[in-house]
Amino acid sequence: VSSSCQNTDNTKLTLSQEEKNEMLFM
């Protein structure tokens, strides 16, 4: 349960390069 609650940075690390490029463009 504890490891499933640690969602803050784990989801951030799974961003695709396309998503990162989109953020930079925006």
PDB file of all heavy atoms in Angstrom:
ATOM      1  N   VAL A   1       0.845  -1.197   0.000  1.00  0.00           N
ATOM      2  CA  VAL A   1       0.000   0.000   0.000  1.00  0.00           C
ATOM      3  C   VAL A   1       0.879   1.246   0.000  1.00  0.00           C
ATOM      4  O   VAL A   1       0.628   2.199  -0.732  1.00  0.00           O
ATOM      5  CB  VAL A   1      -0.956  -0.002   1.224  1.00  0.00           C
ATOM      6  CG1 VAL A   1      -1.638   1.341   1.395  1.00  0.00           C
ATOM      7  CG2 VAL A   1      -1.982  -1.103   1.090  1.00  0.00           C
ATOM      8  N   SER A   2       1.917   1.238   0.798  1.00  0.00           N
ATOM      9  CA  SER A   2       2.805   2.380   0.894  1.00  0.00           C
ATOM     10  C   SER A   2       3.456   2.693  -0.450  1.00  0.00           C
ATOM     11  O   SER A   2       3.512   3.836  -0.868  1.00  0.00           O
ATOM     12  CB  SER A   2       3.873   2.100   1.944  1.00  0.00           C
ATOM     13  OG  SER A   2       4.842   3.105   1.936  1.00  0.00           O
ATOM     14  N   SER A   3       3.934   1.664  -1.140  1.00  0.00           N
ATOM     15  CA  SER A   3       4.602   1.918  -2.419  1.00  0.00           C
ATOM     16  C   SER A   3       3.611   2.368  -3.478  1.00  0.00           C
ATOM     17  O   SER A   3       3.949   3.150  -4.348  1.00  0.00           O
ATOM     18  CB  SER A   3       5.374   0.685  -2.884  1.00  0.00           C
ATOM     19  OG  SER A   3       4.476  -0.348  -3.195  1.00  0.00           O
ATOM     20  N   SER A   4       2.362   1.935  -3.401  1.00  0.00           N
ATOM     21  CA  SER A   4       1.384   2.377  -4.391  1.00  0.00           C
ATOM     22  C   SER A   4       0.966   3.819  -4.152  1.00  0.00           C
ATOM     23  O   SER A   4       0.472   4.480  -5.051  1.00  0.00           O
ATOM     24  CB  SER A   4       0.156   1.469  -4.384  1.00  0.00           C
ATOM     25  OG  SER A   4      -0.597   1.667  -3.214  1.00  0.00           O
ATOM     26  N   CYS A   5       1.162   4.337  -2.962  1.00  0.00           N
ATOM     27  CA  CYS A   5       0.819   5.727  -2.666  1.00  0.00           C
ATOM     28  C   CYS A   5       1.918   6.689  -3.096  1.00  0.00           C
ATOM     29  O   CYS A   5       1.699   7.879  -3.173  1.00  0.00           O
ATOM     30  CB  CYS A   5       0.559   5.913  -1.174  1.00  0.00           C
ATOM     31  SG  CYS A   5      -0.949   5.100  -0.632  1.00  0.00           S
ATOM     32  N   GLN A   6       3.096   6.197  -3.346  1.00  0.00           N
ATOM     33  CA  GLN A   6       4.205   7.056  -3.739  1.00  0.00           C
ATOM     34  C   GLN A   6       4.125   7.320  -5.233  1.00  0.00           C
ATOM     35  O   GLN A   6       4.888   6.800  -6.023  1.00  0.00           O
ATOM     36  CB  GLN A   6       5.540   6.398  -3.387  1.00  0.00           C
ATOM     37  CG  GLN A   6       5.738   6.236  -1.908  1.00  0.00           C
ATOM     38  CD  GLN A   6       6.994   5.458  -1.597  1.00  0.00           C
ATOM     39  OE1 GLN A   6       7.667   4.947  -2.483  1.00  0.00           O
ATOM     40  NE2 GLN A   6       7.323   5.357  -0.332  1.00  0.00           N
ATOM     41  N   ASN A   7       3.213   8.199  -5.611  1.00  0.00           N
ATOM     42  CA  ASN A   7       2.919   8.441  -7.008  1.00  0.00           C
ATOM     43  C   ASN A   7       3.502   9.745  -7.520  1.00  0.00           C
ATOM     44  O   ASN A   7       3.469  10.011  -8.693  1.00  0.00           O
ATOM     45  CB  ASN A   7       1.390   8.446  -7.175  1.00  0.00           C
ATOM     46  CG  ASN A   7       0.966   8.224  -8.590  1.00  0.00           C
ATOM     47  OD1 ASN A   7       1.760   7.790  -9.397  1.00  0.00           O
ATOM     48  ND2 ASN A   7      -0.268   8.537  -8.875  1.00  0.00           N
ATOM     49  N   THR A   8       4.055  10.547  -6.640  1.00  0.00           N
ATOM     50  CA  THR A   8       4.436  11.893  -7.035  1.00  0.00           C
ATOM     51  C   THR A   8       5.497  11.919  -8.125  1.00  0.00           C
ATOM     52  O   THR A   8       5.253  12.463  -9.187  1.00  0.00           O
ATOM     53  CB  THR A   8       4.935  12.692  -5.818  1.00  0.00           C
ATOM     54  OG1 THR A   8       5.978  11.955  -5.185  1.00  0.00           O
ATOM     55  CG2 THR A   8       3.813  12.948  -4.848  1.00  0.00           C
ATOM     56  N   ASP A   9       6.646  11.370  -7.891  1.00  0.00           N
ATOM     57  CA  ASP A   9       7.692  11.449  -8.903  1.00  0.00           C
ATOM     58  C   ASP A   9       7.671  10.286  -9.871  1.00  0.00           C
ATOM     59  O   ASP A   9       8.181  10.401 -10.963  1.00  0.00           O
ATOM     60  CB  ASP A   9       9.068  11.571  -8.256  1.00  0.00           C
ATOM     61  CG  ASP A   9       9.377  12.999  -7.850  1.00  0.00           C
ATOM     62  OD1 ASP A   9       8.641  13.916  -8.234  1.00  0.00           O
ATOM     63  OD2 ASP A   9      10.366  13.175  -7.145  1.00  0.00           O
ATOM     64  N   ASN A  10       7.088   9.165  -9.488  1.00  0.00           N
ATOM     65  CA  ASN A  10       7.073   8.011 -10.391  1.00  0.00           C
ATOM     66  C   ASN A  10       6.338   8.330 -11.680  1.00  0.00           C
ATOM     67  O   ASN A  10       6.790   7.977 -12.754  1.00  0.00           O
ATOM     68  CB  ASN A  10       6.443   6.789  -9.705  1.00  0.00           C
ATOM     69  CG  ASN A  10       7.313   6.265  -8.579  1.00  0.00           C
ATOM     70  OD1 ASN A  10       8.480   6.613  -8.492  1.00  0.00           O
ATOM     71  ND2 ASN A  10       6.745   5.439  -7.727  1.00  0.00           N
ATOM     72  N   THR A  11       5.195   9.005 -11.605  1.00  0.00           N
ATOM     73  CA  THR A  11       4.467   9.338 -12.824  1.00  0.00           C
ATOM     74  C   THR A  11       5.225  10.375 -13.638  1.00  0.00           C
ATOM     75  O   THR A  11       5.137  10.390 -14.842  1.00  0.00           O
ATOM     76  CB  THR A  11       3.053   9.864 -12.519  1.00  0.00           C
ATOM     77  OG1 THR A  11       3.168  10.980 -11.654  1.00  0.00           O
ATOM     78  CG2 THR A  11       2.180   8.800 -11.917  1.00  0.00           C
ATOM     79  N   LYS A  12       5.965  11.230 -12.985  1.00  0.00           N
ATOM     80  CA  LYS A  12       6.716  12.259 -13.692  1.00  0.00           C
ATOM     81  C   LYS A  12       7.837  11.634 -14.519  1.00  0.00           C
ATOM     82  O   LYS A  12       8.168  12.133 -15.562  1.00  0.00           O
ATOM     83  CB  LYS A  12       7.316  13.281 -12.722  1.00  0.00           C
ATOM     84  CG  LYS A  12       6.323  13.919 -11.781  1.00  0.00           C
ATOM     85  CD  LYS A  12       5.177  14.567 -12.497  1.00  0.00           C
ATOM     86  CE  LYS A  12       4.189  15.135 -11.526  1.00  0.00           C
ATOM     87  NZ  LYS A  12       2.828  15.080 -11.918  1.00  0.00           N
ATOM     88  N   LEU A  13       8.375  10.535 -14.037  1.00  0.00           N
ATOM     89  CA  LEU A  13       9.469   9.893 -14.752  1.00  0.00           C
ATOM     90  C   LEU A  13       8.989   9.122 -15.968  1.00  0.00           C
ATOM     91  O   LEU A  13       9.776   8.784 -16.836  1.00  0.00           O
ATOM     92  CB  LEU A  13      10.233   8.952 -13.807  1.00  0.00           C
ATOM     93  CG  LEU A  13      10.914   9.635 -12.623  1.00  0.00           C
ATOM     94  CD1 LEU A  13      11.538   8.604 -11.695  1.00  0.00           C
ATOM     95  CD2 LEU A  13      11.955  10.620 -13.093  1.00  0.00           C
ATOM     96  N   THR A  14       7.693   8.864 -16.058  1.00  0.00           N
ATOM     97  CA  THR A  14       7.180   8.080 -17.170  1.00  0.00           C
ATOM     98  C   THR A  14       6.677   8.955 -18.322  1.00  0.00           C
ATOM     99  O   THR A  14       6.102   8.439 -19.256  1.00  0.00           O
ATOM    100  CB  THR A  14       6.038   7.151 -16.703  1.00  0.00           C
ATOM    101  OG1 THR A  14       4.972   7.954 -16.194  1.00  0.00           O
ATOM    102  CG2 THR A  14       6.513   6.174 -15.652  1.00  0.00           C
ATOM    103  N   LEU A  15       6.879  10.244 -18.253  1.00  0.00           N
ATOM    104  CA  LEU A  15       6.468  11.105 -19.354  1.00  0.00           C
ATOM    105  C   LEU A  15       7.266  10.767 -20.601  1.00  0.00           C
ATOM    106  O   LEU A  15       8.479  10.554 -20.539  1.00  0.00           O
ATOM    107  CB  LEU A  15       6.694  12.582 -19.005  1.00  0.00           C
ATOM    108  CG  LEU A  15       5.825  13.175 -17.899  1.00  0.00           C
ATOM    109  CD1 LEU A  15       6.238  14.612 -17.625  1.00  0.00           C
ATOM    110  CD2 LEU A  15       4.360  13.098 -18.252  1.00  0.00           C
ATOM    111  N   SER A  16       6.581  10.737 -21.723  1.00  0.00           N
ATOM    112  CA  SER A  16       7.267  10.476 -22.990  1.00  0.00           C
ATOM    113  C   SER A  16       8.053  11.717 -23.410  1.00  0.00           C
ATOM    114  O   SER A  16       7.804  12.828 -22.918  1.00  0.00           O
ATOM    115  CB  SER A  16       6.252  10.119 -24.073  1.00  0.00           C
ATOM    116  OG  SER A  16       5.483  11.267 -24.422  1.00  0.00           O
ATOM    117  N   GLN A  17       8.964  11.527 -24.327  1.00  0.00           N
ATOM    118  CA  GLN A  17       9.722  12.664 -24.850  1.00  0.00           C
ATOM    119  C   GLN A  17       8.772  13.646 -25.545  1.00  0.00           C
ATOM    120  O   GLN A  17       8.956  14.856 -25.476  1.00  0.00           O
ATOM    121  CB  GLN A  17      10.822  12.197 -25.812  1.00  0.00           C
ATOM    122  CG  GLN A  17      11.787  13.304 -26.193  1.00  0.00           C
ATOM    123  CD  GLN A  17      12.481  13.930 -24.988  1.00  0.00           C
ATOM    124  OE1 GLN A  17      13.007  13.227 -24.128  1.00  0.00           O
ATOM    125  NE2 GLN A  17      12.489  15.252 -24.919  1.00  0.00           N
ATOM    126  N   GLU A  18       7.736  13.116 -26.170  1.00  0.00           N
ATOM    127  CA  GLU A  18       6.734  13.966 -26.821  1.00  0.00           C
ATOM    128  C   GLU A  18       6.039  14.880 -25.797  1.00  0.00           C
ATOM    129  O   GLU A  18       5.838  16.075 -26.054  1.00  0.00           O
ATOM    130  CB  GLU A  18       5.698  13.100 -27.534  1.00  0.00           C
ATOM    131  CG  GLU A  18       4.614  13.883 -28.238  1.00  0.00           C
ATOM    132  CD  GLU A  18       3.559  12.989 -28.868  1.00  0.00           C
ATOM    133  OE1 GLU A  18       3.882  11.856 -29.278  1.00  0.00           O
ATOM    134  OE2 GLU A  18       2.403  13.434 -28.932  1.00  0.00           O
ATOM    135  N   GLU A  19       5.702  14.324 -24.634  1.00  0.00           N
ATOM    136  CA  GLU A  19       5.064  15.126 -23.581  1.00  0.00           C
ATOM    137  C   GLU A  19       6.010  16.208 -23.062  1.00  0.00           C
ATOM    138  O   GLU A  19       5.595  17.346 -22.824  1.00  0.00           O
ATOM    139  CB  GLU A  19       4.612  14.232 -22.429  1.00  0.00           C
ATOM    140  CG  GLU A  19       3.426  13.352 -22.766  1.00  0.00           C
ATOM    141  CD  GLU A  19       3.136  12.338 -21.692  1.00  0.00           C
ATOM    142  OE1 GLU A  19       3.999  11.456 -21.455  1.00  0.00           O
ATOM    143  OE2 GLU A  19       2.050  12.425 -21.089  1.00  0.00           O
ATOM    144  N   LYS A  20       7.270  15.844 -22.900  1.00  0.00           N
ATOM    145  CA  LYS A  20       8.262  16.812 -22.435  1.00  0.00           C
ATOM    146  C   LYS A  20       8.443  17.929 -23.461  1.00  0.00           C
ATOM    147  O   LYS A  20       8.493  19.108 -23.104  1.00  0.00           O
ATOM    148  CB  LYS A  20       9.594  16.124 -22.163  1.00  0.00           C
ATOM    149  CG  LYS A  20       9.535  15.148 -20.999  1.00  0.00           C
ATOM    150  CD  LYS A  20      10.833  14.381 -20.866  1.00  0.00           C
ATOM    151  CE  LYS A  20      10.731  13.324 -19.768  1.00  0.00           C
ATOM    152  NZ  LYS A  20      11.978  12.546 -19.648  1.00  0.00           N
ATOM    153  N   ASN A  21       8.527  17.552 -24.741  1.00  0.00           N
ATOM    154  CA  ASN A  21       8.664  18.546 -25.805  1.00  0.00           C
ATOM    155  C   ASN A  21       7.443  19.461 -25.854  1.00  0.00           C
ATOM    156  O   ASN A  21       7.573  20.665 -26.097  1.00  0.00           O
ATOM    157  CB  ASN A  21       8.874  17.868 -27.158  1.00  0.00           C
ATOM    158  CG  ASN A  21      10.215  17.175 -27.265  1.00  0.00           C
ATOM    159  OD1 ASN A  21      11.133  17.428 -26.491  1.00  0.00           O
ATOM    160  ND2 ASN A  21      10.325  16.268 -28.218  1.00  0.00           N
ATOM    161  N   GLU A  22       6.273  18.884 -25.621  1.00  0.00           N
ATOM    162  CA  GLU A  22       5.029  19.667 -25.607  1.00  0.00           C
ATOM    163  C   GLU A  22       5.073  20.714 -24.502  1.00  0.00           C
ATOM    164  O   GLU A  22       4.692  21.866 -24.703  1.00  0.00           O
ATOM    165  CB  GLU A  22       3.828  18.740 -25.409  1.00  0.00           C
ATOM    166  CG  GLU A  22       2.491  19.415 -25.572  1.00  0.00           C
ATOM    167  CD  GLU A  22       2.187  19.785 -27.003  1.00  0.00           C
ATOM    168  OE1 GLU A  22       2.445  18.963 -27.901  1.00  0.00           O
ATOM    169  OE2 GLU A  22       1.691  20.908 -27.231  1.00  0.00           O
ATOM    170  N   MET A  23       5.566  20.336 -23.345  1.00  0.00           N
ATOM    171  CA  MET A  23       5.674  21.283 -22.227  1.00  0.00           C
ATOM    172  C   MET A  23       6.621  22.426 -22.573  1.00  0.00           C
ATOM    173  O   MET A  23       6.327  23.595 -22.290  1.00  0.00           O
ATOM    174  CB  MET A  23       6.169  20.570 -20.971  1.00  0.00           C
ATOM    175  CG  MET A  23       5.163  19.657 -20.350  1.00  0.00           C
ATOM    176  SD  MET A  23       5.904  18.811 -18.926  1.00  0.00           S
ATOM    177  CE  MET A  23       4.653  17.584 -18.608  1.00  0.00           C
ATOM    178  N   LEU A  24       7.751  22.100 -23.169  1.00  0.00           N
ATOM    179  CA  LEU A  24       8.719  23.120 -23.555  1.00  0.00           C
ATOM    180  C   LEU A  24       8.126  24.059 -24.607  1.00  0.00           C
ATOM    181  O   LEU A  24       8.310  25.276 -24.546  1.00  0.00           O
ATOM    182  CB  LEU A  24      10.001  22.466 -24.076  1.00  0.00           C
ATOM    183  CG  LEU A  24      10.812  21.708 -23.025  1.00  0.00           C
ATOM    184  CD1 LEU A  24      11.851  20.813 -23.690  1.00  0.00           C
ATOM    185  CD2 LEU A  24      11.468  22.666 -22.041  1.00  0.00           C
ATOM    186  N   PHE A  25       7.397  23.486 -25.556  1.00  0.00           N
ATOM    187  CA  PHE A  25       6.738  24.291 -26.583  1.00  0.00           C
ATOM    188  C   PHE A  25       5.701  25.220 -25.966  1.00  0.00           C
ATOM    189  O   PHE A  25       5.638  26.408 -26.299  1.00  0.00           O
ATOM    190  CB  PHE A  25       6.080  23.376 -27.631  1.00  0.00           C
ATOM    191  CG  PHE A  25       5.334  24.144 -28.685  1.00  0.00           C
ATOM    192  CD1 PHE A  25       6.000  24.711 -29.760  1.00  0.00           C
ATOM    193  CD2 PHE A  25       3.959  24.315 -28.589  1.00  0.00           C
ATOM    194  CE1 PHE A  25       5.309  25.437 -30.726  1.00  0.00           C
ATOM    195  CE2 PHE A  25       3.265  25.033 -29.549  1.00  0.00           C
ATOM    196  CZ  PHE A  25       3.936  25.595 -30.618  1.00  0.00           C
ATOM    197  N   MET A  26       4.893  24.681 -25.050  1.00  0.00           N
ATOM    198  CA  MET A  26       3.840  25.489 -24.428  1.00  0.00           C
ATOM    199  C   MET A  26       4.438  26.653 -23.631  1.00  0.00           C
ATOM    200  O   MET A  26       3.874  27.744 -23.616  1.00  0.00           O
ATOM    201  CB  MET A  26       2.941  24.637 -23.538  1.00  0.00           C
ATOM    202  CG  MET A  26       2.089  23.614 -24.282  1.00  0.00           C
ATOM    203  SD  MET A  26       1.087  24.274 -25.634  1.00  0.00           S
ATOM    204  CE  MET A  26       0.108  25.486 -24.791  1.00  0.00           C
TER     205      MET A  26
END
